[in-house]
Amino acid sequence: MSDEIRDLTIGILGGTGPLGRGLAIRWARAGLRVIVGSRDADRAAKTANEIFEQSGVDHVSGLGNLDCTSVADVVVVAVPYDGHKALLETIGGAVDGKIVVDAVNPLGFDKRGPYRIDVPEGSAAEEAEQALPGARVTAAFHHVSAVLLNDPDQPEIPLDVLVLGDDREATDVVRALADAIPGMRGVYGGRLRNAGQVEALTANLIAINRRYKTHAGVRVTGL
């Protein structure tokens, strides 16, 4: 594990959901301190205990979202888009100076399948940047299969994680977080203003997964 993340505490808002829980499991197994965050602190604590029982790791705990944010060094936002803005409004100054990783995909679903929801700011990550002016906002982990993350029989997650942001030191830390999960590789994907198309690509991956009954990810060639 990279020295730059070894001593960090990772808080995951939406940590009781499929993506957040899966990331918590993988990072806890990698030896990182993880806090599961939720609107319901009891539910967060229950999920943390379940992760302990499943994985045998004792460096995972659960707290309410604001307490989780206040304690964590890096905050991952992994909530459904319809709760994204309301959550950002509750954490405010608690993220000043901290790295925030927005993993939210603004997607809708109808009988024709998944589609991108237009966000006035351009993307969920840019919405976070505007709502949290004191934070070091990045975008990452949009294309990671929650099913694979939560599967104890899946030792590695073979995909690349595109990491976007305007703070190069922050994107380096987030790339290292991706690298900490076996099989995964963090790849710098450009400025935060380009997060919209990365978020939208998730709709295509969901369509691929439904058609081919798989859990497709993204690989960048030539690196």
C-alpha atoms as a PDB file:
ATOM      1  CA  MET A   1       0.000   0.000   0.000  1.00  0.00           C
ATOM      2  CA  SER A   2       1.214   3.494  -0.833  1.00  0.00           C
ATOM      3  CA  ASP A   3       2.643   5.470   2.087  1.00  0.00           C
ATOM      4  CA  GLU A   4       0.484   8.474   1.136  1.00  0.00           C
ATOM      5  CA  ILE A   5      -2.714   6.654   2.139  1.00  0.00           C
ATOM      6  CA  ARG A   6      -1.483   4.235   4.810  1.00  0.00           C
ATOM      7  CA  ASP A   7      -2.420   6.484   7.744  1.00  0.00           C
ATOM      8  CA  LEU A   8      -5.609   7.981   6.306  1.00  0.00           C
ATOM      9  CA  THR A   9      -9.110   7.426   7.629  1.00  0.00           C
ATOM     10  CA  ILE A  10     -11.632   6.996   4.813  1.00  0.00           C
ATOM     11  CA  GLY A  11     -15.224   8.057   5.479  1.00  0.00           C
ATOM     12  CA  ILE A  12     -17.870   6.732   3.090  1.00  0.00           C
ATOM     13  CA  LEU A  13     -21.154   8.636   2.996  1.00  0.00           C
ATOM     14  CA  GLY A  14     -23.720   6.204   1.712  1.00  0.00           C
ATOM     15  CA  GLY A  15     -21.620   3.422   3.171  1.00  0.00           C
ATOM     16  CA  THR A  16     -24.671   1.261   3.820  1.00  0.00           C
ATOM     17  CA  GLY A  17     -25.540   1.208   0.098  1.00  0.00           C
ATOM     18  CA  PRO A  18     -24.133  -1.347  -2.366  1.00  0.00           C
ATOM     19  CA  LEU A  19     -21.231   0.741  -3.727  1.00  0.00           C
ATOM     20  CA  GLY A  20     -20.288   2.340  -0.412  1.00  0.00           C
ATOM     21  CA  ARG A  21     -20.430  -0.950   1.466  1.00  0.00           C
ATOM     22  CA  GLY A  22     -18.364  -2.678  -1.211  1.00  0.00           C
ATOM     23  CA  LEU A  23     -15.656  -0.021  -1.124  1.00  0.00           C
ATOM     24  CA  ALA A  24     -15.631  -0.174   2.678  1.00  0.00           C
ATOM     25  CA  ILE A  25     -15.071  -3.930   2.576  1.00  0.00           C
ATOM     26  CA  ARG A  26     -12.236  -3.707   0.072  1.00  0.00           C
ATOM     27  CA  TRP A  27     -10.413  -0.847   1.777  1.00  0.00           C
ATOM     28  CA  ALA A  28     -10.789  -2.411   5.207  1.00  0.00           C
ATOM     29  CA  ARG A  29      -9.328  -5.647   3.858  1.00  0.00           C
ATOM     30  CA  ALA A  30      -6.441  -3.623   2.433  1.00  0.00           C
ATOM     31  CA  GLY A  31      -5.660  -2.350   5.943  1.00  0.00           C
ATOM     32  CA  LEU A  32      -7.152   1.142   5.765  1.00  0.00           C
ATOM     33  CA  ARG A  33      -9.229   2.649   8.557  1.00  0.00           C
ATOM     34  CA  VAL A  34     -12.780   2.986   7.255  1.00  0.00           C
ATOM     35  CA  ILE A  35     -15.854   4.718   8.651  1.00  0.00           C
ATOM     36  CA  VAL A  36     -19.256   3.807   7.255  1.00  0.00           C
ATOM     37  CA  GLY A  37     -21.474   6.892   7.153  1.00  0.00           C
ATOM     38  CA  SER A  38     -25.267   6.996   6.985  1.00  0.00           C
ATOM     39  CA  ARG A  39     -28.187   9.263   7.819  1.00  0.00           C
ATOM     40  CA  ASP A  40     -28.965   6.599  10.442  1.00  0.00           C
ATOM     41  CA  ALA A  41     -25.994   6.116  12.771  1.00  0.00           C
ATOM     42  CA  ASP A  42     -27.401   2.816  14.062  1.00  0.00           C
ATOM     43  CA  ARG A  43     -27.657   1.481  10.535  1.00  0.00           C
ATOM     44  CA  ALA A  44     -24.073   2.572   9.873  1.00  0.00           C
ATOM     45  CA  ALA A  45     -22.869   0.771  13.000  1.00  0.00           C
ATOM     46  CA  LYS A  46     -24.795  -2.356  11.985  1.00  0.00           C
ATOM     47  CA  THR A  47     -23.204  -2.354   8.537  1.00  0.00           C
ATOM     48  CA  ALA A  48     -19.734  -1.881  10.045  1.00  0.00           C
ATOM     49  CA  ASN A  49     -20.355  -4.844  12.334  1.00  0.00           C
ATOM     50  CA  GLU A  50     -21.497  -6.953   9.391  1.00  0.00           C
ATOM     51  CA  ILE A  51     -18.292  -6.088   7.538  1.00  0.00           C
ATOM     52  CA  PHE A  52     -16.302  -7.100  10.614  1.00  0.00           C
ATOM     53  CA  GLU A  53     -18.118 -10.427  10.821  1.00  0.00           C
ATOM     54  CA  GLN A  54     -17.695 -11.067   7.100  1.00  0.00           C
ATOM     55  CA  SER A  55     -14.081  -9.955   6.732  1.00  0.00           C
ATOM     56  CA  GLY A  56     -12.623 -10.208  10.216  1.00  0.00           C
ATOM     57  CA  VAL A  57     -11.222  -6.672  10.077  1.00  0.00           C
ATOM     58  CA  ASP A  58     -11.489  -4.538  13.218  1.00  0.00           C
ATOM     59  CA  HIS A  59     -10.622  -1.135  11.720  1.00  0.00           C
ATOM     60  CA  VAL A  60     -14.092  -0.339  10.386  1.00  0.00           C
ATOM     61  CA  SER A  61     -16.737   1.602  12.311  1.00  0.00           C
ATOM     62  CA  GLY A  62     -20.045   3.328  11.645  1.00  0.00           C
ATOM     63  CA  LEU A  63     -21.237   6.876  12.356  1.00  0.00           C
ATOM     64  CA  GLY A  64     -23.857   9.378  11.237  1.00  0.00           C
ATOM     65  CA  ASN A  65     -22.904  11.305   8.113  1.00  0.00           C
ATOM     66  CA  LEU A  66     -21.751  14.512   9.800  1.00  0.00           C
ATOM     67  CA  ASP A  67     -19.706  12.714  12.475  1.00  0.00           C
ATOM     68  CA  CYS A  68     -18.202  10.495   9.786  1.00  0.00           C
ATOM     69  CA  THR A  69     -17.250  13.540   7.731  1.00  0.00           C
ATOM     70  CA  SER A  70     -15.728  15.326  10.714  1.00  0.00           C
ATOM     71  CA  VAL A  71     -13.477  12.394  11.659  1.00  0.00           C
ATOM     72  CA  ALA A  72     -12.398  11.248   8.189  1.00  0.00           C
ATOM     73  CA  ASP A  73      -9.365  12.490   6.263  1.00  0.00           C
ATOM     74  CA  VAL A  74     -10.899  11.560   2.897  1.00  0.00           C
ATOM     75  CA  VAL A  75     -14.665  11.615   2.327  1.00  0.00           C
ATOM     76  CA  VAL A  76     -16.275   9.469  -0.368  1.00  0.00           C
ATOM     77  CA  VAL A  77     -19.782  10.434  -1.484  1.00  0.00           C
ATOM     78  CA  ALA A  78     -21.589   7.301  -2.700  1.00  0.00           C
ATOM     79  CA  VAL A  79     -25.283   8.119  -2.417  1.00  0.00           C
ATOM     80  CA  PRO A  80     -28.071   8.003  -5.026  1.00  0.00           C
ATOM     81  CA  TYR A  81     -28.220  11.196  -7.040  1.00  0.00           C
ATOM     82  CA  ASP A  82     -31.661  12.142  -5.740  1.00  0.00           C
ATOM     83  CA  GLY A  83     -30.117  12.572  -2.274  1.00  0.00           C
ATOM     84  CA  HIS A  84     -26.835  14.103  -3.438  1.00  0.00           C
ATOM     85  CA  LYS A  85     -27.499  17.826  -3.060  1.00  0.00           C
ATOM     86  CA  ALA A  86     -29.286  17.465   0.281  1.00  0.00           C
ATOM     87  CA  LEU A  87     -26.356  15.475   1.672  1.00  0.00           C
ATOM     88  CA  LEU A  88     -23.814  18.058   0.511  1.00  0.00           C
ATOM     89  CA  GLU A  89     -25.763  20.768   2.323  1.00  0.00           C
ATOM     90  CA  THR A  90     -25.465  18.873   5.618  1.00  0.00           C
ATOM     91  CA  ILE A  91     -21.679  18.402   5.640  1.00  0.00           C
ATOM     92  CA  GLY A  92     -20.636  21.966   4.715  1.00  0.00           C
ATOM     93  CA  GLY A  93     -17.581  23.182   6.588  1.00  0.00           C
ATOM     94  CA  ALA A  94     -16.762  19.713   7.928  1.00  0.00           C
ATOM     95  CA  VAL A  95     -14.931  18.986   4.665  1.00  0.00           C
ATOM     96  CA  ASP A  96     -12.869  22.176   4.479  1.00  0.00           C
ATOM     97  CA  GLY A  97      -9.348  21.258   3.370  1.00  0.00           C
ATOM     98  CA  LYS A  98     -10.259  17.593   2.914  1.00  0.00           C
ATOM     99  CA  ILE A  99     -10.341  15.457  -0.202  1.00  0.00           C
ATOM    100  CA  VAL A 100     -13.888  14.662  -1.280  1.00  0.00           C
ATOM    101  CA  VAL A 101     -14.352  11.837  -3.784  1.00  0.00           C
ATOM    102  CA  ASP A 102     -17.680  12.135  -5.589  1.00  0.00           C
ATOM    103  CA  ALA A 103     -18.742   8.743  -6.966  1.00  0.00           C
ATOM    104  CA  VAL A 104     -22.328   9.697  -7.792  1.00  0.00           C
ATOM    105  CA  ASN A 105     -23.880   8.942 -11.172  1.00  0.00           C
ATOM    106  CA  PRO A 106     -26.812  11.211 -12.134  1.00  0.00           C
ATOM    107  CA  LEU A 107     -28.861   8.579 -13.942  1.00  0.00           C
ATOM    108  CA  GLY A 108     -32.508   7.963 -14.621  1.00  0.00           C
ATOM    109  CA  PHE A 109     -34.262   4.770 -15.679  1.00  0.00           C
ATOM    110  CA  ASP A 110     -37.318   4.175 -17.810  1.00  0.00           C
ATOM    111  CA  LYS A 111     -38.656   1.362 -20.014  1.00  0.00           C
ATOM    112  CA  ARG A 112     -35.913   2.124 -22.561  1.00  0.00           C
ATOM    113  CA  GLY A 113     -33.168   1.668 -19.977  1.00  0.00           C
ATOM    114  CA  PRO A 114     -30.682   3.943 -18.188  1.00  0.00           C
ATOM    115  CA  TYR A 115     -30.009   7.506 -19.273  1.00  0.00           C
ATOM    116  CA  ARG A 116     -28.039  10.522 -18.070  1.00  0.00           C
ATOM    117  CA  ILE A 117     -29.799  13.202 -16.027  1.00  0.00           C
ATOM    118  CA  ASP A 118     -28.736  16.729 -16.930  1.00  0.00           C
ATOM    119  CA  VAL A 119     -27.111  18.532 -13.999  1.00  0.00           C
ATOM    120  CA  PRO A 120     -27.101  22.365 -14.101  1.00  0.00           C
ATOM    121  CA  GLU A 121     -23.511  22.520 -12.859  1.00  0.00           C
ATOM    122  CA  GLY A 122     -22.388  20.047 -15.536  1.00  0.00           C
ATOM    123  CA  SER A 123     -21.916  16.964 -13.364  1.00  0.00           C
ATOM    124  CA  ALA A 124     -22.542  15.647  -9.871  1.00  0.00           C
ATOM    125  CA  ALA A 125     -18.870  16.280  -9.068  1.00  0.00           C
ATOM    126  CA  GLU A 126     -19.119  19.926 -10.140  1.00  0.00           C
ATOM    127  CA  GLU A 127     -22.294  20.234  -8.095  1.00  0.00           C
ATOM    128  CA  ALA A 128     -20.239  19.031  -5.134  1.00  0.00           C
ATOM    129  CA  GLU A 129     -17.460  21.501  -5.950  1.00  0.00           C
ATOM    130  CA  GLN A 130     -19.903  24.400  -5.864  1.00  0.00           C
ATOM    131  CA  ALA A 131     -21.627  23.211  -2.693  1.00  0.00           C
ATOM    132  CA  LEU A 132     -18.325  22.540  -0.888  1.00  0.00           C
ATOM    133  CA  PRO A 133     -15.993  25.422  -1.846  1.00  0.00           C
ATOM    134  CA  GLY A 134     -13.514  24.597   0.921  1.00  0.00           C
ATOM    135  CA  ALA A 135     -13.070  20.959  -0.134  1.00  0.00           C
ATOM    136  CA  ARG A 136     -10.650  19.393  -2.604  1.00  0.00           C
ATOM    137  CA  VAL A 137     -13.241  17.732  -4.817  1.00  0.00           C
ATOM    138  CA  THR A 138     -12.394  14.836  -7.117  1.00  0.00           C
ATOM    139  CA  ALA A 139     -14.529  12.396  -9.110  1.00  0.00           C
ATOM    140  CA  ALA A 140     -13.889   8.633  -9.201  1.00  0.00           C
ATOM    141  CA  PHE A 141     -15.278   5.084  -8.802  1.00  0.00           C
ATOM    142  CA  HIS A 142     -18.252   5.635 -11.126  1.00  0.00           C
ATOM    143  CA  HIS A 143     -17.757   2.447 -13.126  1.00  0.00           C
ATOM    144  CA  VAL A 144     -17.056  -0.040 -10.335  1.00  0.00           C
ATOM    145  CA  SER A 145     -19.474  -2.966 -10.024  1.00  0.00           C
ATOM    146  CA  ALA A 146     -20.999  -3.031  -6.556  1.00  0.00           C
ATOM    147  CA  VAL A 147     -21.830  -6.708  -7.128  1.00  0.00           C
ATOM    148  CA  LEU A 148     -18.170  -7.593  -7.589  1.00  0.00           C
ATOM    149  CA  LEU A 149     -17.052  -5.414  -4.680  1.00  0.00           C
ATOM    150  CA  ASN A 150     -19.426  -7.210  -2.327  1.00  0.00           C
ATOM    151  CA  ASP A 151     -18.661 -10.716  -3.627  1.00  0.00           C
ATOM    152  CA  PRO A 152     -16.360 -12.509  -1.138  1.00  0.00           C
ATOM    153  CA  ASP A 153     -15.416 -14.988  -3.872  1.00  0.00           C
ATOM    154  CA  GLN A 154     -14.069 -12.195  -6.102  1.00  0.00           C
ATOM    155  CA  PRO A 155     -10.454 -11.673  -4.928  1.00  0.00           C
ATOM    156  CA  GLU A 156      -9.665  -8.995  -7.519  1.00  0.00           C
ATOM    157  CA  ILE A 157     -11.618  -6.238  -9.290  1.00  0.00           C
ATOM    158  CA  PRO A 158     -10.008  -6.062 -12.753  1.00  0.00           C
ATOM    159  CA  LEU A 159     -10.673  -2.528 -13.997  1.00  0.00           C
ATOM    160  CA  ASP A 160      -9.301   0.992 -14.234  1.00  0.00           C
ATOM    161  CA  VAL A 161     -10.767   3.831 -12.172  1.00  0.00           C
ATOM    162  CA  LEU A 162     -10.800   7.201 -13.910  1.00  0.00           C
ATOM    163  CA  VAL A 163      -9.915   9.915 -11.391  1.00  0.00           C
ATOM    164  CA  LEU A 164     -10.724  13.525 -12.246  1.00  0.00           C
ATOM    165  CA  GLY A 165      -9.908  16.746 -10.436  1.00  0.00           C
ATOM    166  CA  ASP A 166      -8.109  20.068 -10.527  1.00  0.00           C
ATOM    167  CA  ASP A 167      -5.904  19.366  -7.473  1.00  0.00           C
ATOM    168  CA  ARG A 168      -3.160  17.019  -8.686  1.00  0.00           C
ATOM    169  CA  GLU A 169      -2.078  16.027  -5.179  1.00  0.00           C
ATOM    170  CA  ALA A 170      -5.693  15.087  -4.360  1.00  0.00           C
ATOM    171  CA  THR A 171      -6.083  13.018  -7.541  1.00  0.00           C
ATOM    172  CA  ASP A 172      -2.822  11.213  -6.721  1.00  0.00           C
ATOM    173  CA  VAL A 173      -4.240  10.212  -3.326  1.00  0.00           C
ATOM    174  CA  VAL A 174      -7.469   8.964  -4.922  1.00  0.00           C
ATOM    175  CA  ARG A 175      -5.514   6.999  -7.530  1.00  0.00           C
ATOM    176  CA  ALA A 176      -3.618   5.365  -4.672  1.00  0.00           C
ATOM    177  CA  LEU A 177      -6.938   4.446  -3.035  1.00  0.00           C
ATOM    178  CA  ALA A 178      -7.942   2.699  -6.246  1.00  0.00           C
ATOM    179  CA  ASP A 179      -4.576   0.938  -6.430  1.00  0.00           C
ATOM    180  CA  ALA A 180      -5.084  -0.373  -2.882  1.00  0.00           C
ATOM    181  CA  ILE A 181      -7.883  -2.652  -4.108  1.00  0.00           C
ATOM    182  CA  PRO A 182      -6.412  -5.779  -5.774  1.00  0.00           C
ATOM    183  CA  GLY A 183      -6.865  -5.760  -9.551  1.00  0.00           C
ATOM    184  CA  MET A 184      -7.844  -2.109  -9.659  1.00  0.00           C
ATOM    185  CA  ARG A 185      -5.760   0.730 -11.114  1.00  0.00           C
ATOM    186  CA  GLY A 186      -6.275   4.454 -10.675  1.00  0.00           C
ATOM    187  CA  VAL A 187      -5.803   6.502 -13.855  1.00  0.00           C
ATOM    188  CA  TYR A 188      -5.814  10.292 -14.011  1.00  0.00           C
ATOM    189  CA  GLY A 189      -8.707  11.206 -16.307  1.00  0.00           C
ATOM    190  CA  GLY A 190      -8.496  14.983 -16.580  1.00  0.00           C
ATOM    191  CA  ARG A 191      -9.978  18.077 -15.001  1.00  0.00           C
ATOM    192  CA  LEU A 192     -13.170  18.052 -12.987  1.00  0.00           C
ATOM    193  CA  ARG A 193     -15.002  19.831 -15.796  1.00  0.00           C
ATOM    194  CA  ASN A 194     -14.801  16.544 -17.719  1.00  0.00           C
ATOM    195  CA  ALA A 195     -16.609  14.531 -15.045  1.00  0.00           C
ATOM    196  CA  GLY A 196     -19.961  14.733 -16.823  1.00  0.00           C
ATOM    197  CA  GLN A 197     -19.110  12.323 -19.609  1.00  0.00           C
ATOM    198  CA  VAL A 198     -17.478   9.913 -17.159  1.00  0.00           C
ATOM    199  CA  GLU A 199     -20.618   9.851 -15.021  1.00  0.00           C
ATOM    200  CA  ALA A 200     -22.785   9.434 -18.132  1.00  0.00           C
ATOM    201  CA  LEU A 201     -20.736   6.467 -19.398  1.00  0.00           C
ATOM    202  CA  THR A 202     -22.166   4.470 -16.509  1.00  0.00           C
ATOM    203  CA  ALA A 203     -25.482   4.308 -18.387  1.00  0.00           C
ATOM    204  CA  ASN A 204     -23.700   2.574 -21.281  1.00  0.00           C
ATOM    205  CA  LEU A 205     -22.020   0.109 -18.938  1.00  0.00           C
ATOM    206  CA  ILE A 206     -25.345  -0.755 -17.308  1.00  0.00           C
ATOM    207  CA  ALA A 207     -26.794  -1.404 -20.780  1.00  0.00           C
ATOM    208  CA  ILE A 208     -23.809  -3.645 -21.600  1.00  0.00           C
ATOM    209  CA  ASN A 209     -24.195  -5.528 -18.332  1.00  0.00           C
ATOM    210  CA  ARG A 210     -27.893  -6.130 -18.920  1.00  0.00           C
ATOM    211  CA  ARG A 211     -27.362  -7.297 -22.499  1.00  0.00           C
ATOM    212  CA  TYR A 212     -24.419  -9.588 -21.818  1.00  0.00           C
ATOM    213  CA  LYS A 213     -25.254 -10.550 -18.212  1.00  0.00           C
ATOM    214  CA  THR A 214     -21.867  -9.458 -16.876  1.00  0.00           C
ATOM    215  CA  HIS A 215     -20.284  -6.766 -14.694  1.00  0.00           C
ATOM    216  CA  ALA A 216     -18.297  -4.796 -17.259  1.00  0.00           C
ATOM    217  CA  GLY A 217     -15.744  -2.180 -16.297  1.00  0.00           C
ATOM    218  CA  VAL A 218     -13.268   0.076 -18.110  1.00  0.00           C
ATOM    219  CA  ARG A 219      -9.650  -0.573 -19.103  1.00  0.00           C
ATOM    220  CA  VAL A 220      -7.370   2.118 -20.537  1.00  0.00           C
ATOM    221  CA  THR A 221      -4.868   0.664 -22.992  1.00  0.00           C
ATOM    222  CA  GLY A 222      -1.342   1.838 -23.721  1.00  0.00           C
ATOM    223  CA  LEU A 223      -0.397   2.731 -20.126  1.00  0.00           C
END
